[in-house]
Structure formats: structure tokens, C-alpha cells
Amino acid sequence: MKANPWVRPYVLTGGRTRTRQHLFVHTLVSAPDYDVSFAARLLPEARSLYERASGAVESVAELSAHCGVSLGVTRVLLGDLASDDRVLINPETYASPYDPRLLKRVIHGLRDLA
């Protein structure tokens, strides 16, 4: 599901741009205890992120791309879902986005796409 292009990002986040915890683009997110009735009450953009996270562990960037929600909005909405204990923010595997192990994974992923 793609985000509605007519809805401004600040409307989706209530004007917020930050979350309690910093979510890197490579932070892994999952929703192990998916609740259908809770999902029905969410805005369509948050619902699509929540549903996608219930299917598999994905990074913030993957969720953003697959759901058609901007990265900034994705971070805020995932932060809200995490605050409600609806998604699990997996512990950071990498200390920094510049960690050589992460950069090697990115390079291998790009080679696989080529």
C-alpha cells in the first residue's frame, strides 16, 4: 500500500519529527504479536507498516520503501508502535551506520541487485 500523496507528512505524525529512540535506516523491526483489531484502528500508513513488520523482520528502510511511506514518517510511526509495545525494535547489531561489517553487507546486497 502506498501512502496517499495528498496527505502531508506532518499530518501523519502530528507535526512530530523525532522519536524517543533513534531508529537508524538499518535498525531491524518486527511485530511478533500482530493484533488485527489494533491494526484496524490505525491510520492506513501505520497499518501498512505494522502489517509488513508482522510478516518478517525488516529494516526501517525496507519497511519505508515497501510501504511507500517517507523515511522520516516511518521512523515516527514505528516509534509510536514501539511505545505501544506493538513492534519490537531489535537491538542494534552494529554500533554505527559506518561499521565496516554493515558497509560490507550493503556492498554485497548492491552486488546481488546488479
PDB file of N, CA and C in Angstrom:
ATOM      1  N   MET A   1       0.841  -1.182   0.000  1.00  0.00           N
ATOM      2  CA  MET A   1       0.000   0.000   0.000  1.00  0.00           C
ATOM      3  C   MET A   1       0.881   1.239   0.000  1.00  0.00           C
ATOM      4  N   LYS A   2       0.635   2.126  -0.901  1.00  0.00           N
ATOM      5  CA  LYS A   2       1.392   3.369  -0.996  1.00  0.00           C
ATOM      6  C   LYS A   2       0.687   4.459  -0.198  1.00  0.00           C
ATOM      7  N   ALA A   3       1.514   5.348   0.378  1.00  0.00           N
ATOM      8  CA  ALA A   3       0.952   6.460   1.144  1.00  0.00           C
ATOM      9  C   ALA A   3       0.195   7.392   0.209  1.00  0.00           C
ATOM     10  N   ASN A   4      -0.812   8.027   0.740  1.00  0.00           N
ATOM     11  CA  ASN A   4      -1.605   8.972  -0.021  1.00  0.00           C
ATOM     12  C   ASN A   4      -0.752  10.203  -0.326  1.00  0.00           C
ATOM     13  N   PRO A   5      -0.519  10.524  -1.608  1.00  0.00           N
ATOM     14  CA  PRO A   5       0.352  11.659  -1.936  1.00  0.00           C
ATOM     15  C   PRO A   5      -0.244  13.018  -1.564  1.00  0.00           C
ATOM     16  N   TRP A   6      -1.522  13.063  -1.266  1.00  0.00           N
ATOM     17  CA  TRP A   6      -2.174  14.327  -0.936  1.00  0.00           C
ATOM     18  C   TRP A   6      -2.112  14.646   0.551  1.00  0.00           C
ATOM     19  N   VAL A   7      -1.673  13.689   1.360  1.00  0.00           N
ATOM     20  CA  VAL A   7      -1.582  13.915   2.807  1.00  0.00           C
ATOM     21  C   VAL A   7      -0.155  14.323   3.138  1.00  0.00           C
ATOM     22  N   ARG A   8      -0.014  15.478   3.743  1.00  0.00           N
ATOM     23  CA  ARG A   8       1.308  15.985   4.103  1.00  0.00           C
ATOM     24  C   ARG A   8       1.904  15.160   5.241  1.00  0.00           C
ATOM     25  N   PRO A   9       3.222  14.944   5.229  1.00  0.00           N
ATOM     26  CA  PRO A   9       3.851  14.120   6.275  1.00  0.00           C
ATOM     27  C   PRO A   9       3.573  14.597   7.699  1.00  0.00           C
ATOM     28  N   TYR A  10       3.533  15.913   7.920  1.00  0.00           N
ATOM     29  CA  TYR A  10       3.308  16.394   9.283  1.00  0.00           C
ATOM     30  C   TYR A  10       1.910  16.055   9.789  1.00  0.00           C
ATOM     31  N   VAL A  11       0.978  15.817   8.887  1.00  0.00           N
ATOM     32  CA  VAL A  11      -0.362  15.403   9.304  1.00  0.00           C
ATOM     33  C   VAL A  11      -0.311  13.986   9.859  1.00  0.00           C
ATOM     34  N   LEU A  12       0.469  13.125   9.197  1.00  0.00           N
ATOM     35  CA  LEU A  12       0.580  11.727   9.621  1.00  0.00           C
ATOM     36  C   LEU A  12       1.277  11.577  10.968  1.00  0.00           C
ATOM     37  N   THR A  13       2.157  12.507  11.296  1.00  0.00           N
ATOM     38  CA  THR A  13       2.931  12.396  12.531  1.00  0.00           C
ATOM     39  C   THR A  13       2.489  13.392  13.595  1.00  0.00           C
ATOM     40  N   GLY A  14       1.453  14.163  13.319  1.00  0.00           N
ATOM     41  CA  GLY A  14       1.019  15.173  14.275  1.00  0.00           C
ATOM     42  C   GLY A  14       2.059  16.268  14.455  1.00  0.00           C
ATOM     43  N   GLY A  15       2.852  16.513  13.419  1.00  0.00           N
ATOM     44  CA  GLY A  15       3.883  17.545  13.480  1.00  0.00           C
ATOM     45  C   GLY A  15       5.186  17.090  14.108  1.00  0.00           C
ATOM     46  N   ARG A  16       5.229  15.845  14.578  1.00  0.00           N
ATOM     47  CA  ARG A  16       6.452  15.354  15.242  1.00  0.00           C
ATOM     48  C   ARG A  16       7.476  14.891  14.207  1.00  0.00           C
ATOM     49  N   THR A  17       8.748  15.087  14.530  1.00  0.00           N
ATOM     50  CA  THR A  17       9.824  14.638  13.647  1.00  0.00           C
ATOM     51  C   THR A  17      10.790  13.705  14.355  1.00  0.00           C
ATOM     52  N   ARG A  18      10.615  13.532  15.647  1.00  0.00           N
ATOM     53  CA  ARG A  18      11.555  12.703  16.424  1.00  0.00           C
ATOM     54  C   ARG A  18      10.806  11.633  17.215  1.00  0.00           C
ATOM     55  N   THR A  19      11.554  10.613  17.585  1.00  0.00           N
ATOM     56  CA  THR A  19      11.022   9.549  18.431  1.00  0.00           C
ATOM     57  C   THR A  19      11.889   9.440  19.680  1.00  0.00           C
ATOM     58  N   ARG A  20      11.417   8.677  20.640  1.00  0.00           N
ATOM     59  CA  ARG A  20      12.184   8.506  21.891  1.00  0.00           C
ATOM     60  C   ARG A  20      13.498   7.782  21.647  1.00  0.00           C
ATOM     61  N   GLN A  21      13.476   6.833  20.747  1.00  0.00           N
ATOM     62  CA  GLN A  21      14.690   6.097  20.431  1.00  0.00           C
ATOM     63  C   GLN A  21      15.081   6.374  18.987  1.00  0.00           C
ATOM     64  N   HIS A  22      16.387   6.477  18.764  1.00  0.00           N
ATOM     65  CA  HIS A  22      16.842   6.767  17.405  1.00  0.00           C
ATOM     66  C   HIS A  22      16.773   5.491  16.582  1.00  0.00           C
ATOM     67  N   LEU A  23      16.108   5.572  15.451  1.00  0.00           N
ATOM     68  CA  LEU A  23      15.996   4.431  14.559  1.00  0.00           C
ATOM     69  C   LEU A  23      16.859   4.685  13.331  1.00  0.00           C
ATOM     70  N   PHE A  24      17.929   3.913  13.198  1.00  0.00           N
ATOM     71  CA  PHE A  24      18.763   4.004  12.005  1.00  0.00           C
ATOM     72  C   PHE A  24      18.016   3.370  10.841  1.00  0.00           C
ATOM     73  N   VAL A  25      18.445   3.625   9.637  1.00  0.00           N
ATOM     74  CA  VAL A  25      17.807   3.005   8.477  1.00  0.00           C
ATOM     75  C   VAL A  25      18.010   1.491   8.490  1.00  0.00           C
ATOM     76  N   HIS A  26      19.087   1.031   9.145  1.00  0.00           N
ATOM     77  CA  HIS A  26      19.359  -0.405   9.191  1.00  0.00           C
ATOM     78  C   HIS A  26      18.806  -1.087  10.447  1.00  0.00           C
ATOM     79  N   THR A  27      18.121  -0.351  11.316  1.00  0.00           N
ATOM     80  CA  THR A  27      17.529  -0.942  12.514  1.00  0.00           C
ATOM     81  C   THR A  27      16.464  -1.955  12.099  1.00  0.00           C
ATOM     82  N   LEU A  28      16.522  -3.143  12.684  1.00  0.00           N
ATOM     83  CA  LEU A  28      15.581  -4.200  12.351  1.00  0.00           C
ATOM     84  C   LEU A  28      14.339  -4.120  13.226  1.00  0.00           C
ATOM     85  N   VAL A  29      13.174  -4.297  12.603  1.00  0.00           N
ATOM     86  CA  VAL A  29      11.886  -4.157  13.280  1.00  0.00           C
ATOM     87  C   VAL A  29      11.030  -5.379  12.957  1.00  0.00           C
ATOM     88  N   SER A  30      10.259  -5.821  13.950  1.00  0.00           N
ATOM     89  CA  SER A  30       9.309  -6.914  13.729  1.00  0.00           C
ATOM     90  C   SER A  30       8.084  -6.691  14.605  1.00  0.00           C
ATOM     91  N   ALA A  31       7.009  -7.377  14.261  1.00  0.00           N
ATOM     92  CA  ALA A  31       5.769  -7.313  15.043  1.00  0.00           C
ATOM     93  C   ALA A  31       5.348  -8.757  15.330  1.00  0.00           C
ATOM     94  N   PRO A  32       5.940  -9.356  16.354  1.00  0.00           N
ATOM     95  CA  PRO A  32       5.679 -10.784  16.607  1.00  0.00           C
ATOM     96  C   PRO A  32       4.260 -11.089  17.074  1.00  0.00           C
ATOM     97  N   ASP A  33       3.589 -10.147  17.714  1.00  0.00           N
ATOM     98  CA  ASP A  33       2.231 -10.382  18.240  1.00  0.00           C
ATOM     99  C   ASP A  33       1.232  -9.484  17.523  1.00  0.00           C
ATOM    100  N   TYR A  34       0.996  -9.767  16.259  1.00  0.00           N
ATOM    101  CA  TYR A  34       0.109  -8.950  15.430  1.00  0.00           C
ATOM    102  C   TYR A  34      -1.322  -9.026  15.957  1.00  0.00           C
ATOM    103  N   ASP A  35      -1.962  -7.872  16.093  1.00  0.00           N
ATOM    104  CA  ASP A  35      -3.328  -7.778  16.609  1.00  0.00           C
ATOM    105  C   ASP A  35      -4.214  -7.120  15.547  1.00  0.00           C
ATOM    106  N   VAL A  36      -5.133  -7.897  14.975  1.00  0.00           N
ATOM    107  CA  VAL A  36      -5.993  -7.426  13.893  1.00  0.00           C
ATOM    108  C   VAL A  36      -6.873  -6.266  14.341  1.00  0.00           C
ATOM    109  N   SER A  37      -7.434  -6.340  15.528  1.00  0.00           N
ATOM    110  CA  SER A  37      -8.326  -5.268  15.987  1.00  0.00           C
ATOM    111  C   SER A  37      -7.548  -3.970  16.222  1.00  0.00           C
ATOM    112  N   PHE A  38      -6.317  -4.070  16.717  1.00  0.00           N
ATOM    113  CA  PHE A  38      -5.479  -2.878  16.882  1.00  0.00           C
ATOM    114  C   PHE A  38      -5.141  -2.285  15.518  1.00  0.00           C
ATOM    115  N   ALA A  39      -4.786  -3.133  14.562  1.00  0.00           N
ATOM    116  CA  ALA A  39      -4.425  -2.672  13.221  1.00  0.00           C
ATOM    117  C   ALA A  39      -5.575  -1.925  12.560  1.00  0.00           C
ATOM    118  N   ALA A  40      -6.796  -2.363  12.803  1.00  0.00           N
ATOM    119  CA  ALA A  40      -7.966  -1.733  12.185  1.00  0.00           C
ATOM    120  C   ALA A  40      -8.153  -0.290  12.647  1.00  0.00           C
ATOM    121  N   ARG A  41      -7.613   0.055  13.811  1.00  0.00           N
ATOM    122  CA  ARG A  41      -7.763   1.411  14.354  1.00  0.00           C
ATOM    123  C   ARG A  41      -6.649   2.368  13.917  1.00  0.00           C
ATOM    124  N   LEU A  42      -5.647   1.858  13.206  1.00  0.00           N
ATOM    125  CA  LEU A  42      -4.505   2.672  12.805  1.00  0.00           C
ATOM    126  C   LEU A  42      -4.790   3.430  11.509  1.00  0.00           C
ATOM    127  N   LEU A  43      -4.067   4.529  11.320  1.00  0.00           N
ATOM    128  CA  LEU A  43      -4.086   5.210  10.036  1.00  0.00           C
ATOM    129  C   LEU A  43      -3.545   4.241   8.987  1.00  0.00           C
ATOM    130  N   PRO A  44      -3.951   4.377   7.734  1.00  0.00           N
ATOM    131  CA  PRO A  44      -3.511   3.431   6.703  1.00  0.00           C
ATOM    132  C   PRO A  44      -1.989   3.276   6.598  1.00  0.00           C
ATOM    133  N   GLU A  45      -1.245   4.355   6.750  1.00  0.00           N
ATOM    134  CA  GLU A  45       0.214   4.289   6.647  1.00  0.00           C
ATOM    135  C   GLU A  45       0.805   3.493   7.804  1.00  0.00           C
ATOM    136  N   ALA A  46       0.338   3.747   9.015  1.00  0.00           N
ATOM    137  CA  ALA A  46       0.823   2.997  10.185  1.00  0.00           C
ATOM    138  C   ALA A  46       0.391   1.536  10.083  1.00  0.00           C
ATOM    139  N   ARG A  47      -0.807   1.313   9.588  1.00  0.00           N
ATOM    140  CA  ARG A  47      -1.300  -0.060   9.443  1.00  0.00           C
ATOM    141  C   ARG A  47      -0.441  -0.850   8.462  1.00  0.00           C
ATOM    142  N   SER A  48      -0.076  -0.230   7.351  1.00  0.00           N
ATOM    143  CA  SER A  48       0.743  -0.946   6.373  1.00  0.00           C
ATOM    144  C   SER A  48       2.118  -1.284   6.936  1.00  0.00           C
ATOM    145  N   LEU A  49       2.709  -0.378   7.722  1.00  0.00           N
ATOM    146  CA  LEU A  49       3.992  -0.664   8.370  1.00  0.00           C
ATOM    147  C   LEU A  49       3.850  -1.803   9.381  1.00  0.00           C
ATOM    148  N   TYR A  50       2.792  -1.739  10.176  1.00  0.00           N
ATOM    149  CA  TYR A  50       2.534  -2.755  11.205  1.00  0.00           C
ATOM    150  C   TYR A  50       2.305  -4.123  10.568  1.00  0.00           C
ATOM    151  N   GLU A  51       1.512  -4.162   9.512  1.00  0.00           N
ATOM    152  CA  GLU A  51       1.243  -5.427   8.825  1.00  0.00           C
ATOM    153  C   GLU A  51       2.506  -5.989   8.191  1.00  0.00           C
ATOM    154  N   ARG A  52       3.288  -5.148   7.555  1.00  0.00           N
ATOM    155  CA  ARG A  52       4.524  -5.599   6.907  1.00  0.00           C
ATOM    156  C   ARG A  52       5.514  -6.126   7.937  1.00  0.00           C
ATOM    157  N   ALA A  53       5.612  -5.453   9.087  1.00  0.00           N
ATOM    158  CA  ALA A  53       6.536  -5.890  10.139  1.00  0.00           C
ATOM    159  C   ALA A  53       6.097  -7.207  10.768  1.00  0.00           C
ATOM    160  N   SER A  54       4.812  -7.535  10.645  1.00  0.00           N
ATOM    161  CA  SER A  54       4.340  -8.795  11.221  1.00  0.00           C
ATOM    162  C   SER A  54       4.744  -9.991  10.379  1.00  0.00           C
ATOM    163  N   GLY A  55       5.040  -9.756   9.097  1.00  0.00           N
ATOM    164  CA  GLY A  55       5.380 -10.855   8.202  1.00  0.00           C
ATOM    165  C   GLY A  55       6.814 -11.315   8.317  1.00  0.00           C
ATOM    166  N   ALA A  56       7.724 -10.405   8.622  1.00  0.00           N
ATOM    167  CA  ALA A  56       9.143 -10.752   8.699  1.00  0.00           C
ATOM    168  C   ALA A  56       9.894  -9.619   9.386  1.00  0.00           C
ATOM    169  N   VAL A  57      11.099  -9.927   9.794  1.00  0.00           N
ATOM    170  CA  VAL A  57      11.964  -8.896  10.370  1.00  0.00           C
ATOM    171  C   VAL A  57      12.545  -8.101   9.200  1.00  0.00           C
ATOM    172  N   GLU A  58      12.313  -6.796   9.216  1.00  0.00           N
ATOM    173  CA  GLU A  58      12.816  -5.934   8.146  1.00  0.00           C
ATOM    174  C   GLU A  58      13.427  -4.674   8.745  1.00  0.00           C
ATOM    175  N   SER A  59      14.280  -4.044   7.962  1.00  0.00           N
ATOM    176  CA  SER A  59      14.889  -2.800   8.411  1.00  0.00           C
ATOM    177  C   SER A  59      13.902  -1.650   8.243  1.00  0.00           C
ATOM    178  N   VAL A  60      14.192  -0.563   8.912  1.00  0.00           N
ATOM    179  CA  VAL A  60      13.365   0.639   8.802  1.00  0.00           C
ATOM    180  C   VAL A  60      13.309   1.082   7.336  1.00  0.00           C
ATOM    181  N   ALA A  61      14.437   1.043   6.647  1.00  0.00           N
ATOM    182  CA  ALA A  61      14.476   1.456   5.241  1.00  0.00           C
ATOM    183  C   ALA A  61      13.621   0.541   4.368  1.00  0.00           C
ATOM    184  N   GLU A  62      13.667  -0.764   4.607  1.00  0.00           N
ATOM    185  CA  GLU A  62      12.859  -1.701   3.824  1.00  0.00           C
ATOM    186  C   GLU A  62      11.370  -1.463   4.045  1.00  0.00           C
ATOM    187  N   LEU A  63      10.996  -1.271   5.300  1.00  0.00           N
ATOM    188  CA  LEU A  63       9.594  -1.002   5.601  1.00  0.00           C
ATOM    189  C   LEU A  63       9.131   0.278   4.913  1.00  0.00           C
ATOM    190  N   SER A  64       9.952   1.299   4.978  1.00  0.00           N
ATOM    191  CA  SER A  64       9.626   2.577   4.349  1.00  0.00           C
ATOM    192  C   SER A  64       9.423   2.398   2.846  1.00  0.00           C
ATOM    193  N   ALA A  65      10.350   1.708   2.198  1.00  0.00           N
ATOM    194  CA  ALA A  65      10.284   1.534   0.748  1.00  0.00           C
ATOM    195  C   ALA A  65       9.096   0.676   0.327  1.00  0.00           C
ATOM    196  N   HIS A  66       8.894  -0.443   1.009  1.00  0.00           N
ATOM    197  CA  HIS A  66       7.816  -1.356   0.623  1.00  0.00           C
ATOM    198  C   HIS A  66       6.435  -0.754   0.867  1.00  0.00           C
ATOM    199  N   CYS A  67       6.319   0.089   1.881  1.00  0.00           N
ATOM    200  CA  CYS A  67       5.007   0.653   2.221  1.00  0.00           C
ATOM    201  C   CYS A  67       4.773   2.016   1.569  1.00  0.00           C
ATOM    202  N   GLY A  68       5.789   2.570   0.922  1.00  0.00           N
ATOM    203  CA  GLY A  68       5.622   3.858   0.255  1.00  0.00           C
ATOM    204  C   GLY A  68       5.448   5.022   1.210  1.00  0.00           C
ATOM    205  N   VAL A  69       6.028   4.892   2.397  1.00  0.00           N
ATOM    206  CA  VAL A  69       5.948   5.944   3.416  1.00  0.00           C
ATOM    207  C   VAL A  69       7.342   6.552   3.540  1.00  0.00           C
ATOM    208  N   SER A  70       7.429   7.879   3.599  1.00  0.00           N
ATOM    209  CA  SER A  70       8.744   8.518   3.683  1.00  0.00           C
ATOM    210  C   SER A  70       9.496   8.025   4.919  1.00  0.00           C
ATOM    211  N   LEU A  71      10.811   8.078   4.840  1.00  0.00           N
ATOM    212  CA  LEU A  71      11.647   7.561   5.919  1.00  0.00           C
ATOM    213  C   LEU A  71      11.392   8.280   7.242  1.00  0.00           C
ATOM    214  N   GLY A  72      11.253   9.595   7.207  1.00  0.00           N
ATOM    215  CA  GLY A  72      11.001  10.343   8.441  1.00  0.00           C
ATOM    216  C   GLY A  72       9.682   9.963   9.087  1.00  0.00           C
ATOM    217  N   VAL A  73       8.642   9.834   8.279  1.00  0.00           N
ATOM    218  CA  VAL A  73       7.332   9.429   8.794  1.00  0.00           C
ATOM    219  C   VAL A  73       7.399   7.996   9.306  1.00  0.00           C
ATOM    220  N   THR A  74       8.099   7.139   8.584  1.00  0.00           N
ATOM    221  CA  THR A  74       8.247   5.745   9.010  1.00  0.00           C
ATOM    222  C   THR A  74       8.873   5.668  10.389  1.00  0.00           C
ATOM    223  N   ARG A  75       9.921   6.443  10.615  1.00  0.00           N
ATOM    224  CA  ARG A  75      10.589   6.434  11.926  1.00  0.00           C
ATOM    225  C   ARG A  75       9.631   6.859  13.035  1.00  0.00           C
ATOM    226  N   VAL A  76       8.868   7.907  12.801  1.00  0.00           N
ATOM    227  CA  VAL A  76       7.944   8.397  13.830  1.00  0.00           C
ATOM    228  C   VAL A  76       6.838   7.370  14.094  1.00  0.00           C
ATOM    229  N   LEU A  77       6.248   6.829  13.029  1.00  0.00           N
ATOM    230  CA  LEU A  77       5.162   5.860  13.209  1.00  0.00           C
ATOM    231  C   LEU A  77       5.655   4.573  13.863  1.00  0.00           C
ATOM    232  N   LEU A  78       6.843   4.106  13.497  1.00  0.00           N
ATOM    233  CA  LEU A  78       7.401   2.915  14.151  1.00  0.00           C
ATOM    234  C   LEU A  78       7.730   3.207  15.613  1.00  0.00           C
ATOM    235  N   GLY A  79       8.185   4.420  15.884  1.00  0.00           N
ATOM    236  CA  GLY A  79       8.432   4.811  17.276  1.00  0.00           C
ATOM    237  C   GLY A  79       7.160   4.778  18.101  1.00  0.00           C
ATOM    238  N   ASP A  80       6.055   5.251  17.503  1.00  0.00           N
ATOM    239  CA  ASP A  80       4.758   5.194  18.187  1.00  0.00           C
ATOM    240  C   ASP A  80       4.335   3.748  18.439  1.00  0.00           C
ATOM    241  N   LEU A  81       4.487   2.902  17.430  1.00  0.00           N
ATOM    242  CA  LEU A  81       4.122   1.487  17.582  1.00  0.00           C
ATOM    243  C   LEU A  81       5.003   0.805  18.627  1.00  0.00           C
ATOM    244  N   ALA A  82       6.268   1.171  18.680  1.00  0.00           N
ATOM    245  CA  ALA A  82       7.172   0.605  19.684  1.00  0.00           C
ATOM    246  C   ALA A  82       6.788   1.074  21.087  1.00  0.00           C
ATOM    247  N   SER A  83       6.371   2.343  21.221  1.00  0.00           N
ATOM    248  CA  SER A  83       5.944   2.868  22.520  1.00  0.00           C
ATOM    249  C   SER A  83       4.716   2.137  23.041  1.00  0.00           C
ATOM    250  N   ASP A  84       3.868   1.679  22.108  1.00  0.00           N
ATOM    251  CA  ASP A  84       2.675   0.910  22.474  1.00  0.00           C
ATOM    252  C   ASP A  84       2.971  -0.585  22.595  1.00  0.00           C
ATOM    253  N   ASP A  85       4.238  -0.966  22.503  1.00  0.00           N
ATOM    254  CA  ASP A  85       4.666  -2.371  22.551  1.00  0.00           C
ATOM    255  C   ASP A  85       4.012  -3.208  21.460  1.00  0.00           C
ATOM    256  N   ARG A  86       3.812  -2.619  20.281  1.00  0.00           N
ATOM    257  CA  ARG A  86       3.216  -3.333  19.143  1.00  0.00           C
ATOM    258  C   ARG A  86       4.269  -3.839  18.178  1.00  0.00           C
ATOM    259  N   VAL A  87       5.424  -3.175  18.131  1.00  0.00           N
ATOM    260  CA  VAL A  87       6.536  -3.669  17.322  1.00  0.00           C
ATOM    261  C   VAL A  87       7.758  -3.806  18.211  1.00  0.00           C
ATOM    262  N   LEU A  88       8.623  -4.699  17.805  1.00  0.00           N
ATOM    263  CA  LEU A  88       9.863  -4.951  18.526  1.00  0.00           C
ATOM    264  C   LEU A  88      11.000  -4.313  17.748  1.00  0.00           C
ATOM    265  N   ILE A  89      11.699  -3.403  18.403  1.00  0.00           N
ATOM    266  CA  ILE A  89      12.889  -2.795  17.817  1.00  0.00           C
ATOM    267  C   ILE A  89      14.050  -3.667  18.257  1.00  0.00           C
ATOM    268  N   ASN A  90      14.619  -4.388  17.311  1.00  0.00           N
ATOM    269  CA  ASN A  90      15.685  -5.331  17.638  1.00  0.00           C
ATOM    270  C   ASN A  90      16.945  -4.591  18.035  1.00  0.00           C
ATOM    271  N   PRO A  91      17.676  -5.158  18.980  1.00  0.00           N
ATOM    272  CA  PRO A  91      18.912  -4.498  19.426  1.00  0.00           C
ATOM    273  C   PRO A  91      19.849  -4.269  18.244  1.00  0.00           C
ATOM    274  N   GLU A  92      20.559  -3.170  18.298  1.00  0.00           N
ATOM    275  CA  GLU A  92      21.473  -2.831  17.209  1.00  0.00           C
ATOM    276  C   GLU A  92      22.563  -3.884  17.090  1.00  0.00           C
ATOM    277  N   THR A  93      22.734  -4.379  15.892  1.00  0.00           N
ATOM    278  CA  THR A  93      23.793  -5.328  15.610  1.00  0.00           C
ATOM    279  C   THR A  93      25.090  -4.574  15.357  1.00  0.00           C
ATOM    280  N   TYR A  94      24.934  -3.345  14.886  1.00  0.00           N
ATOM    281  CA  TYR A  94      26.091  -2.539  14.527  1.00  0.00           C
ATOM    282  C   TYR A  94      26.110  -1.288  15.389  1.00  0.00           C
ATOM    283  N   ALA A  95      27.290  -0.936  15.867  1.00  0.00           N
ATOM    284  CA  ALA A  95      27.421   0.214  16.756  1.00  0.00           C
ATOM    285  C   ALA A  95      27.208   1.532  16.023  1.00  0.00           C
ATOM    286  N   SER A  96      27.411   1.534  14.723  1.00  0.00           N
ATOM    287  CA  SER A  96      27.333   2.763  13.949  1.00  0.00           C
ATOM    288  C   SER A  96      26.914   2.433  12.524  1.00  0.00           C
ATOM    289  N   PRO A  97      26.277   3.384  11.827  1.00  0.00           N
ATOM    290  CA  PRO A  97      25.976   3.130  10.418  1.00  0.00           C
ATOM    291  C   PRO A  97      27.248   3.043   9.569  1.00  0.00           C
ATOM    292  N   TYR A  98      28.396   3.388  10.142  1.00  0.00           N
ATOM    293  CA  TYR A  98      29.673   3.319   9.428  1.00  0.00           C
ATOM    294  C   TYR A  98      30.474   2.077   9.828  1.00  0.00           C
ATOM    295  N   ASP A  99      29.859   1.176  10.562  1.00  0.00           N
ATOM    296  CA  ASP A  99      30.510  -0.066  10.966  1.00  0.00           C
ATOM    297  C   ASP A  99      30.929  -0.833   9.711  1.00  0.00           C
ATOM    298  N   PRO A 100      32.180  -1.272   9.617  1.00  0.00           N
ATOM    299  CA  PRO A 100      32.645  -1.977   8.415  1.00  0.00           C
ATOM    300  C   PRO A 100      31.826  -3.226   8.085  1.00  0.00           C
ATOM    301  N   ARG A 101      31.326  -3.912   9.091  1.00  0.00           N
ATOM    302  CA  ARG A 101      30.504  -5.106   8.829  1.00  0.00           C
ATOM    303  C   ARG A 101      29.212  -4.730   8.118  1.00  0.00           C
ATOM    304  N   LEU A 102      28.596  -3.626   8.535  1.00  0.00           N
ATOM    305  CA  LEU A 102      27.374  -3.166   7.885  1.00  0.00           C
ATOM    306  C   LEU A 102      27.661  -2.711   6.462  1.00  0.00           C
ATOM    307  N   LEU A 103      28.731  -1.971   6.275  1.00  0.00           N
ATOM    308  CA  LEU A 103      29.074  -1.491   4.942  1.00  0.00           C
ATOM    309  C   LEU A 103      29.332  -2.664   3.995  1.00  0.00           C
ATOM    310  N   LYS A 104      29.963  -3.733   4.493  1.00  0.00           N
ATOM    311  CA  LYS A 104      30.185  -4.921   3.665  1.00  0.00           C
ATOM    312  C   LYS A 104      28.854  -5.572   3.290  1.00  0.00           C
ATOM    313  N   ARG A 105      27.895  -5.617   4.228  1.00  0.00           N
ATOM    314  CA  ARG A 105      26.579  -6.168   3.910  1.00  0.00           C
ATOM    315  C   ARG A 105      25.884  -5.345   2.831  1.00  0.00           C
ATOM    316  N   VAL A 106      26.020  -4.029   2.913  1.00  0.00           N
ATOM    317  CA  VAL A 106      25.406  -3.151   1.913  1.00  0.00           C
ATOM    318  C   VAL A 106      26.040  -3.404   0.546  1.00  0.00           C
ATOM    319  N   ILE A 107      27.358  -3.501   0.499  1.00  0.00           N
ATOM    320  CA  ILE A 107      28.056  -3.746  -0.764  1.00  0.00           C
ATOM    321  C   ILE A 107      27.623  -5.080  -1.363  1.00  0.00           C
ATOM    322  N   HIS A 108      27.536  -6.116  -0.527  1.00  0.00           N
ATOM    323  CA  HIS A 108      27.111  -7.430  -1.031  1.00  0.00           C
ATOM    324  C   HIS A 108      25.669  -7.363  -1.537  1.00  0.00           C
ATOM    325  N   GLY A 109      24.811  -6.651  -0.821  1.00  0.00           N
ATOM    326  CA  GLY A 109      23.422  -6.500  -1.254  1.00  0.00           C
ATOM    327  C   GLY A 109      23.319  -5.781  -2.595  1.00  0.00           C
ATOM    328  N   LEU A 110      24.126  -4.737  -2.775  1.00  0.00           N
ATOM    329  CA  LEU A 110      24.113  -3.998  -4.038  1.00  0.00           C
ATOM    330  C   LEU A 110      24.636  -4.866  -5.179  1.00  0.00           C
ATOM    331  N   ARG A 111      25.643  -5.675  -4.895  1.00  0.00           N
ATOM    332  CA  ARG A 111      26.144  -6.594  -5.931  1.00  0.00           C
ATOM    333  C   ARG A 111      25.069  -7.604  -6.328  1.00  0.00           C
ATOM    334  N   ASP A 112      24.309  -8.067  -5.355  1.00  0.00           N
ATOM    335  CA  ASP A 112      23.238  -9.020  -5.650  1.00  0.00           C
ATOM    336  C   ASP A 112      22.167  -8.401  -6.541  1.00  0.00           C
ATOM    337  N   LEU A 113      21.942  -7.099  -6.378  1.00  0.00           N
ATOM    338  CA  LEU A 113      20.936  -6.404  -7.195  1.00  0.00           C
ATOM    339  C   LEU A 113      21.416  -6.168  -8.621  1.00  0.00           C
ATOM    340  N   ALA A 114      22.735  -6.063  -8.777  1.00  0.00           N
ATOM    341  CA  ALA A 114      23.317  -5.743 -10.109  1.00  0.00           C
ATOM    342  C   ALA A 114      23.225  -6.913 -11.073  1.00  0.00           C
TER     343      ALA A 114
END
